[in-house]
Every structure is written in structure tokens, then in C-alpha cells.
Amino acid sequence: MDNTRVTLIVGATGAAASRILEHGQATPGNTVVGLSRNRPDPSVPWLTADLNSGSGLAEALATRPDITHIVYASRAPHGETGVEDVAGNLRMLRNLVDAAEASLPRLAHIHLVHGGKWYGLHIGPYRTPAREDDPRHMPPNFYYDQQDFIAARQHGKAWVWSASRPNFVLDVAPGRARNMVSTLGAYAAICHELRVPFDFPGKPGTWGALHEVTDARLLAEGVLWMLGEPRCANRAFNMTNGDCFRWSDLWPFLAEQFGVRAGTVRSMSMAHWMADKESVWEAIRQRHGLALPLDQVASWSFADFFFGMDYDVLASMTAARAAGFTGFVDSWAMFAGQIAGYRAADILPPA
């Protein structure tokens, strides 16, 4: 028992955490426990608790004193303004750490899933490829507060911390509208239905800038690697696919995958221009027997966010490589595979 890793995935129903939980289940010598406010899967060991309730967390964790590792992948609700709730996110993490230190005698590692906003990509241009020790931008940024808190709390303790910084986590996740692939797919399907070109709606500068993404499965692999690699103790690591693309190159490929005619750069607010397209989607949905309404497939405000980055968005993977991580994903193949996955799940129509 003492040699068994028992990993608690906090916020386990989330977009990134669900793949981490799945990967953890498949890792030999690792037992996975989920934690969220509701229990979605009775077949998986699960704790139900609200991160805003310190007493509720303490009661829940006290039932599993065998937990050794924690992956914290939760965050307070937020919009697409870029600035997220600092006080709320810090409070939830503090409540969890308080409960963990009180209830988990075997606690060895706490991992934080953060992201590319660490470098201020939501503000404007920044130094690329971004490295983990780059200077911080002007706050607020709840990632800074969480890492400062966990680093100070760990001082002199037997457990260690680590953090991952993925960028635009992509996955086949039916029902999660805030997803790049399903949003692009819905836009392409609507273009096809209306017999208009698949125009690029972003800024002209976004068209030619370098961009990157993170496959959720790769993030899961990277997080589990950090939990078991001593060289990762008390450090943060970028975690991206390891390649990059320009929309100007990728767009014709996406058009081919979606079975539509690629258009030109035509900058427009997706939140504005797609606001009245629900009836168009419903016609597509009925004809192809698709499973979900438009608001569960596409987030147009999210599209405006990632199409608005008219500057390079790129992080260095050198630190992770130097510490021994060898995982990578071909982003073009990932886009094709996830489009096929959404079609197989009857979320997107066939080409």
C-alpha cells in the first residue's frame, strides 16, 4: 500500500481534468479518485465537495487518507475578458491545501494546471517562445497568486508542487461549447448551409502569426509525468504539442476537412454575426440527426478570443525536454482526428 500512488483529480469533470483522470486510470501502480460537486460516474472512486467549503472539503478528504498526489484542475467561473477571479481562485486552492494537510498523512505532490495566460497572451504581444522564467506581466493574474501561495506553503514541507502551462487545450468533448474544434466545425457547417465561403473571421494579423495548441491527451501524459519525475519538484513547465502553425496554412486544410470552400480574411465579430444562426444550425441538425443544439457546440465569444490574437502565441518546450519529457503531437493530425471524433459522436455533420 505504501508504494501505491493514489491521485486525487480536483475538478475532475472539467475539460482538461477528464483526460487526466482517464490517463491516470490507465497508468500502472496508480489509483485515481475524482473530486467535484457532483458525481458523474459511479464506476470511478469519487469525492463530492464544494471547493468554496473548507469544512466540506475536510470531511471529504478525511474519507481517503491514502491519497498521495493531487492534480488541481479547477477554476472559478469566468467569461472571455481574459481577467479571471483572483480572490475566488485563490480561496478554492487554499481551502483544498488546508484540508489536504489536515487529512492526508501521505501527501507527496500537488500539481496545478495553469495555462498560457501566465505570459499575458490575453493582453497582447509578449516575448516568444515564452519560457517559464520570463518576467510576469502587470497583475491581476490568478496563476501568479496560486503559484506564490503554493510555493510559500510548501516551504519546509515533505510534499512538493509542480505546475503545467498548456495553451488552448483541445479535445473531443461533446457538450463543451468552449472548444476550438467544435466551434470551427459549427461555423463551417453554417457556411456550407448558407452557401458562402469559409472565410477567416479573425484579424488580418492573426492570419499570419504563429499559434500553438495542446492536445488534452498530451497534457494528461505530461501531468502524470510531472507527478513521478523528481526533476519536476517545485517547478512549472510549458506543455504544448511541440509544433506551431499559421492560420494561413491551416485554414485551407481545415476547409478540406470540413468539406467547405476556403474563403479569404474577412474580419468580423463571431459573437455578433453568428447570433442569429441558431435556426440555420437546427436545419443542419435535423437533416443529419445531430445530437446537440448550437449553444452546446460552439462558443462564438471564445472564437473571437482566439481569432483576435494578431501576434505570435508560442511557448518553449525546452525545460520539459531537458527534464526528460518526450511527448509531442502533430497538431494538423490532431485537428483531423478530432474533427472525425466529433462526427462520430454526431456533434458535427459529415463533409
Protein backbone atom coordinates (compact mmCIF):
# COMPACT_ATOMS: atom_id res chain seq x y z
CA MET A 1 0.00 0.00 0.00
CA ASP A 2 2.80 2.43 0.86
CA ASN A 3 4.19 2.18 -2.68
CA THR A 4 0.85 2.85 -4.37
CA ARG A 5 0.18 6.30 -5.78
CA VAL A 6 -3.36 7.47 -5.12
CA THR A 7 -4.09 10.56 -7.21
CA LEU A 8 -6.95 12.93 -6.49
CA ILE A 9 -8.15 14.83 -9.58
CA VAL A 10 -9.82 18.04 -8.39
CA GLY A 11 -12.37 19.45 -10.80
CA ALA A 12 -12.41 16.05 -12.46
CA THR A 13 -15.37 16.77 -14.74
CA GLY A 14 -13.56 19.66 -16.43
CA ALA A 15 -12.20 19.78 -19.96
CA ALA A 16 -8.56 19.10 -19.06
CA ALA A 17 -9.14 17.05 -15.91
CA SER A 18 -11.32 14.38 -17.50
CA ARG A 19 -8.43 13.25 -19.72
CA ILE A 20 -6.01 13.37 -16.80
CA LEU A 21 -8.36 11.12 -14.85
CA GLU A 22 -8.65 8.74 -17.81
CA HIS A 23 -4.87 8.64 -18.30
CA GLY A 24 -4.34 8.10 -14.58
CA GLN A 25 -6.69 5.13 -14.58
CA ALA A 26 -4.60 3.52 -17.32
CA THR A 27 -1.28 4.10 -15.54
CA PRO A 28 0.02 1.00 -13.71
CA GLY A 29 0.51 1.46 -9.96
CA ASN A 30 -1.80 4.46 -9.88
CA THR A 31 -5.26 4.68 -8.32
CA VAL A 32 -7.39 7.65 -9.34
CA VAL A 33 -10.06 9.41 -7.29
CA GLY A 34 -12.20 12.23 -8.72
CA LEU A 35 -13.48 15.27 -6.85
CA SER A 36 -16.25 17.63 -7.93
CA ARG A 37 -19.52 19.00 -6.62
CA ASN A 38 -21.43 16.21 -8.35
CA ARG A 39 -20.53 12.58 -9.03
CA PRO A 40 -20.94 11.90 -12.77
CA ASP A 41 -19.57 8.35 -12.96
CA PRO A 42 -20.44 5.80 -10.24
CA SER A 43 -17.83 3.40 -11.63
CA VAL A 44 -14.94 5.69 -10.61
CA PRO A 45 -13.97 6.35 -6.96
CA TRP A 46 -15.28 9.84 -6.27
CA LEU A 47 -15.47 12.51 -3.59
CA THR A 48 -18.17 15.17 -3.72
CA ALA A 49 -17.35 18.55 -2.24
CA ASP A 50 -17.53 22.26 -2.99
CA LEU A 51 -14.12 23.96 -3.15
CA ASN A 52 -15.65 27.02 -1.53
CA SER A 53 -16.47 25.00 1.59
CA GLY A 54 -13.39 24.32 3.70
CA SER A 55 -15.30 22.13 6.13
CA GLY A 56 -16.90 20.14 3.32
CA LEU A 57 -13.50 19.51 1.74
CA ALA A 58 -12.03 18.42 5.05
CA GLU A 59 -14.83 15.92 5.56
CA ALA A 60 -14.48 14.53 2.05
CA LEU A 61 -10.68 14.15 2.13
CA ALA A 62 -10.79 12.56 5.59
CA THR A 63 -12.52 9.57 3.96
CA ARG A 64 -9.46 8.94 1.74
CA PRO A 65 -6.34 9.32 3.90
CA ASP A 66 -4.48 7.13 1.38
CA ILE A 67 -4.32 9.97 -1.21
CA THR A 68 -0.71 10.80 -2.07
CA HIS A 69 -0.93 13.11 -5.09
CA ILE A 70 -3.32 15.90 -6.06
CA VAL A 71 -3.96 17.37 -9.50
CA TYR A 72 -5.75 20.70 -9.12
CA ALA A 73 -7.56 21.48 -12.39
CA SER A 74 -10.43 23.65 -11.20
CA ARG A 75 -11.14 27.33 -11.66
CA ALA A 76 -13.81 29.83 -10.78
CA PRO A 77 -16.41 30.68 -13.44
CA HIS A 78 -15.20 33.27 -15.95
CA GLY A 79 -16.04 34.94 -19.24
CA GLU A 80 -13.83 35.83 -22.17
CA THR A 81 -12.47 39.09 -20.75
CA GLY A 82 -9.11 37.47 -20.07
CA VAL A 83 -9.02 38.56 -16.42
CA GLU A 84 -10.29 35.85 -14.08
CA ASP A 85 -11.40 35.87 -10.45
CA VAL A 86 -8.20 36.12 -8.40
CA ALA A 87 -9.77 36.02 -4.92
CA GLY A 88 -12.12 33.16 -5.78
CA ASN A 89 -9.45 31.01 -7.42
CA LEU A 90 -7.02 31.56 -4.57
CA ARG A 91 -9.66 30.81 -1.95
CA MET A 92 -10.58 27.47 -3.54
CA LEU A 93 -6.94 26.36 -3.71
CA ARG A 94 -6.27 27.46 -0.12
CA ASN A 95 -9.30 25.53 1.11
CA LEU A 96 -8.05 22.42 -0.67
CA VAL A 97 -4.49 22.67 0.68
CA ASP A 98 -5.76 23.29 4.21
CA ALA A 99 -7.91 20.15 4.01
CA ALA A 100 -5.14 18.10 2.37
CA GLU A 101 -2.54 18.94 5.00
CA ALA A 102 -5.02 18.15 7.77
CA SER A 103 -6.30 14.86 6.34
CA LEU A 104 -3.65 13.31 4.08
CA PRO A 105 -0.62 11.98 6.00
CA ARG A 106 0.93 10.53 2.84
CA LEU A 107 0.65 13.73 0.76
CA ALA A 108 3.63 13.88 -1.60
CA HIS A 109 2.78 16.18 -4.53
CA ILE A 110 0.29 18.91 -5.52
CA HIS A 111 0.08 19.80 -9.20
CA LEU A 112 -1.59 22.96 -10.57
CA VAL A 113 -2.97 23.04 -14.11
CA HIS A 114 -2.43 26.62 -15.29
CA GLY A 115 -2.09 27.94 -18.84
CA GLY A 116 -0.66 30.33 -21.41
CA LYS A 117 -2.32 33.33 -19.78
CA TRP A 118 0.65 33.20 -17.40
CA TYR A 119 2.55 35.07 -20.13
CA GLY A 120 -0.21 37.61 -20.81
CA LEU A 121 -1.35 36.22 -24.16
CA HIS A 122 -4.82 37.57 -23.33
CA ILE A 123 -3.41 41.11 -23.08
CA GLY A 124 -1.31 41.45 -26.21
CA PRO A 125 2.08 40.58 -27.75
CA TYR A 126 4.66 39.01 -25.46
CA ARG A 127 8.15 37.55 -25.82
CA THR A 128 8.12 34.27 -27.74
CA PRO A 129 8.83 31.47 -27.45
CA ALA A 130 7.80 32.06 -23.85
CA ARG A 131 9.96 30.46 -21.18
CA GLU A 132 8.87 29.52 -17.69
CA ASP A 133 11.13 32.10 -16.02
CA ASP A 134 10.03 35.07 -18.17
CA PRO A 135 9.07 38.23 -16.26
CA ARG A 136 5.47 38.45 -15.14
CA HIS A 137 3.04 40.92 -16.68
CA MET A 138 1.12 43.57 -14.75
CA PRO A 139 -1.37 41.79 -12.45
CA PRO A 140 -4.07 40.70 -11.85
CA ASN A 141 -3.43 37.09 -12.83
CA PHE A 142 -4.69 34.36 -10.51
CA TYR A 143 -1.98 31.97 -11.72
CA TYR A 144 0.60 34.19 -10.01
CA ASP A 145 -1.30 34.25 -6.74
CA GLN A 146 -1.83 30.49 -6.76
CA GLN A 147 1.81 29.66 -7.52
CA ASP A 148 3.10 32.14 -4.94
CA PHE A 149 0.74 30.63 -2.38
CA ILE A 150 1.67 27.01 -3.09
CA ALA A 151 5.40 27.78 -3.15
CA ALA A 152 5.23 29.56 0.20
CA ARG A 153 3.03 26.87 1.72
CA GLN A 154 5.37 24.08 0.58
CA HIS A 155 8.44 25.63 2.20
CA GLY A 156 9.81 23.18 4.75
CA LYS A 157 7.18 20.54 3.98
CA ALA A 158 7.65 16.93 2.87
CA TRP A 159 5.40 17.37 -0.17
CA VAL A 160 6.33 19.20 -3.38
CA TRP A 161 4.41 21.11 -6.05
CA SER A 162 4.53 21.43 -9.82
CA ALA A 163 2.52 23.31 -12.46
CA SER A 164 1.72 22.80 -16.12
CA ARG A 165 1.12 25.60 -18.62
CA PRO A 166 -0.80 24.27 -21.63
CA ASN A 167 -2.18 26.56 -24.31
CA PHE A 168 -5.70 26.19 -25.78
CA VAL A 169 -6.46 22.65 -24.67
CA LEU A 170 -8.27 20.78 -27.46
CA ASP A 171 -10.23 17.57 -27.11
CA VAL A 172 -13.29 15.74 -28.37
CA ALA A 173 -15.60 16.83 -25.59
CA PRO A 174 -19.30 16.73 -26.59
CA GLY A 175 -21.32 19.35 -24.78
CA ARG A 176 -18.38 21.68 -24.09
CA ALA A 177 -19.01 24.63 -26.38
CA ARG A 178 -15.80 26.39 -25.36
CA ASN A 179 -13.77 24.23 -27.71
CA MET A 180 -11.85 25.33 -30.79
CA VAL A 181 -12.61 22.31 -33.00
CA SER A 182 -16.36 22.07 -32.39
CA THR A 183 -16.74 25.85 -32.75
CA LEU A 184 -14.84 25.85 -36.05
CA GLY A 185 -16.89 22.86 -37.20
CA ALA A 186 -20.19 24.57 -36.44
CA TYR A 187 -19.04 27.70 -38.27
CA ALA A 188 -18.01 25.64 -41.30
CA ALA A 189 -21.31 23.76 -41.35
CA ILE A 190 -23.26 27.03 -41.24
CA CYS A 191 -21.13 28.46 -44.06
CA HIS A 192 -21.87 25.34 -46.13
CA GLU A 193 -25.59 25.55 -45.38
CA LEU A 194 -25.75 29.21 -46.42
CA ARG A 195 -23.56 28.57 -49.49
CA VAL A 196 -20.98 31.17 -48.50
CA PRO A 197 -17.19 30.74 -48.36
CA PHE A 198 -15.46 29.55 -45.20
CA ASP A 199 -13.94 32.98 -44.59
CA PHE A 200 -11.34 33.53 -41.88
CA PRO A 201 -13.09 35.82 -39.37
CA GLY A 202 -10.03 36.83 -37.35
CA LYS A 203 -7.83 39.89 -37.52
CA PRO A 204 -5.53 40.22 -40.56
CA GLY A 205 -2.51 39.92 -38.27
CA THR A 206 -3.85 36.70 -36.74
CA TRP A 207 -3.86 35.10 -40.21
CA GLY A 208 -0.06 35.11 -40.46
CA ALA A 209 1.01 34.87 -36.81
CA LEU A 210 2.37 31.68 -35.26
CA HIS A 211 0.00 29.79 -32.98
CA GLU A 212 0.04 26.61 -30.92
CA VAL A 213 -2.39 24.31 -29.11
CA THR A 214 -2.29 21.45 -26.60
CA ASP A 215 -3.95 18.09 -27.14
CA ALA A 216 -5.75 17.15 -23.90
CA ARG A 217 -4.26 13.67 -24.08
CA LEU A 218 -0.74 15.11 -24.24
CA LEU A 219 -1.47 17.35 -21.27
CA ALA A 220 -2.63 14.31 -19.32
CA GLU A 221 0.57 12.48 -20.23
CA GLY A 222 2.63 15.48 -19.17
CA VAL A 223 0.88 15.96 -15.84
CA LEU A 224 1.28 12.28 -14.89
CA TRP A 225 4.95 12.52 -15.90
CA MET A 226 5.46 15.53 -13.60
CA LEU A 227 3.91 13.68 -10.67
CA GLY A 228 6.50 10.92 -10.98
CA GLU A 229 9.60 12.85 -12.07
CA PRO A 230 11.81 14.17 -9.22
CA ARG A 231 13.29 16.83 -11.51
CA CYS A 232 9.86 18.47 -11.71
CA ALA A 233 9.65 19.21 -7.99
CA ASN A 234 8.70 22.82 -7.23
CA ARG A 235 8.80 23.87 -10.89
CA ALA A 236 6.43 24.89 -13.66
CA PHE A 237 6.58 23.58 -17.23
CA ASN A 238 5.04 24.63 -20.52
CA MET A 239 3.04 21.76 -22.00
CA THR A 240 2.09 22.20 -25.68
CA ASN A 241 2.03 19.93 -28.72
CA GLY A 242 5.58 21.00 -29.54
CA ASP A 243 4.84 22.38 -33.01
CA CYS A 244 3.11 25.50 -34.30
CA PHE A 245 1.05 26.66 -37.26
CA ARG A 246 -0.14 29.74 -39.11
CA TRP A 247 -3.85 30.03 -39.78
CA SER A 248 -2.94 30.99 -43.35
CA ASP A 249 -1.52 27.47 -43.80
CA LEU A 250 -4.02 25.57 -41.64
CA TRP A 251 -7.21 27.20 -42.95
CA PRO A 252 -7.27 25.51 -46.39
CA PHE A 253 -6.59 22.18 -44.65
CA LEU A 254 -9.50 22.77 -42.26
CA ALA A 255 -11.75 23.74 -45.16
CA GLU A 256 -10.89 20.44 -46.85
CA GLN A 257 -11.57 18.50 -43.66
CA PHE A 258 -14.95 20.23 -43.22
CA GLY A 259 -15.86 19.88 -46.90
CA VAL A 260 -16.29 23.61 -47.50
CA ARG A 261 -14.76 26.21 -49.82
CA ALA A 262 -11.98 28.21 -48.18
CA GLY A 263 -12.55 31.94 -48.34
CA THR A 264 -10.45 34.96 -47.55
CA VAL A 265 -9.68 37.02 -44.47
CA ARG A 266 -12.91 38.81 -43.54
CA SER A 267 -12.60 40.15 -40.02
CA MET A 268 -15.86 40.06 -38.12
CA SER A 269 -17.15 39.51 -34.62
CA MET A 270 -18.40 35.94 -34.44
CA ALA A 271 -20.48 36.77 -31.37
CA HIS A 272 -22.29 39.38 -33.44
CA TRP A 273 -22.58 37.71 -36.84
CA MET A 274 -23.45 34.23 -35.56
CA ALA A 275 -26.02 35.41 -33.01
CA ASP A 276 -28.94 34.73 -35.36
CA LYS A 277 -27.73 31.42 -36.81
CA GLU A 278 -29.45 29.01 -34.43
CA SER A 279 -32.22 28.33 -36.94
CA VAL A 280 -29.64 27.52 -39.59
CA TRP A 281 -27.96 25.07 -37.22
CA GLU A 282 -31.29 23.47 -36.36
CA ALA A 283 -31.92 22.77 -40.05
CA ILE A 284 -28.49 21.11 -40.27
CA ARG A 285 -29.12 19.25 -37.04
CA GLN A 286 -32.45 17.84 -38.16
CA ARG A 287 -31.18 16.75 -41.56
CA HIS A 288 -28.14 14.92 -40.17
CA GLY A 289 -29.57 13.74 -36.85
CA LEU A 290 -27.05 15.70 -34.79
CA ALA A 291 -27.18 15.40 -31.03
CA LEU A 292 -26.77 18.92 -29.64
CA PRO A 293 -28.12 22.45 -30.05
CA LEU A 294 -25.77 25.16 -31.21
CA ASP A 295 -25.10 26.64 -27.77
CA GLN A 296 -23.62 23.30 -26.68
CA VAL A 297 -21.39 23.01 -29.75
CA ALA A 298 -19.96 26.49 -30.37
CA SER A 299 -18.84 29.44 -28.27
CA TRP A 300 -18.64 32.47 -30.52
CA SER A 301 -17.16 34.69 -27.80
CA PHE A 302 -14.38 32.12 -27.40
CA ALA A 303 -13.83 32.23 -31.17
CA ASP A 304 -13.47 36.00 -31.00
CA PHE A 305 -10.88 35.50 -28.26
CA PHE A 306 -8.58 33.15 -30.16
CA PHE A 307 -9.15 34.82 -33.56
CA GLY A 308 -8.22 38.16 -32.02
CA MET A 309 -4.59 37.27 -31.30
CA ASP A 310 -2.76 39.08 -34.09
CA TYR A 311 0.64 38.21 -32.64
CA ASP A 312 2.70 35.07 -32.11
CA VAL A 313 1.40 32.70 -29.43
CA LEU A 314 4.24 30.30 -28.74
CA ALA A 315 5.82 28.66 -25.67
CA SER A 316 9.17 26.91 -25.39
CA MET A 317 9.18 23.22 -24.51
CA THR A 318 12.92 23.26 -23.75
CA ALA A 319 12.56 22.97 -19.95
CA ALA A 320 10.30 19.92 -20.20
CA ARG A 321 12.58 18.30 -22.78
CA ALA A 322 15.63 18.90 -20.58
CA ALA A 323 13.83 17.26 -17.66
CA GLY A 324 13.06 14.17 -19.74
CA PHE A 325 9.61 14.67 -21.27
CA THR A 326 9.50 13.37 -24.86
CA GLY A 327 5.78 13.57 -25.67
CA PHE A 328 4.59 15.51 -28.72
CA VAL A 329 1.56 15.72 -31.01
CA ASP A 330 1.27 16.63 -34.71
CA SER A 331 -1.28 19.46 -34.49
CA TRP A 332 -2.53 19.03 -38.05
CA ALA A 333 -3.20 15.33 -37.46
CA MET A 334 -4.84 16.24 -34.14
CA PHE A 335 -7.27 18.64 -35.84
CA ALA A 336 -8.19 15.98 -38.41
CA GLY A 337 -8.62 13.31 -35.73
CA GLN A 338 -10.79 15.49 -33.51
CA ILE A 339 -13.00 16.57 -36.40
CA ALA A 340 -13.55 12.88 -37.15
CA GLY A 341 -14.25 12.30 -33.46
CA TYR A 342 -16.94 14.96 -33.35
CA ARG A 343 -18.55 13.48 -36.44
CA ALA A 344 -18.50 10.00 -34.96
CA ALA A 345 -20.28 11.40 -31.88
CA ASP A 346 -22.96 13.05 -34.09
CA ILE A 347 -21.95 16.51 -33.00
CA LEU A 348 -20.74 17.76 -36.40
CA PRO A 349 -22.24 16.84 -39.78
CA PRO A 350 -20.36 14.74 -42.33
CA ALA A 351 -18.34 16.51 -45.01
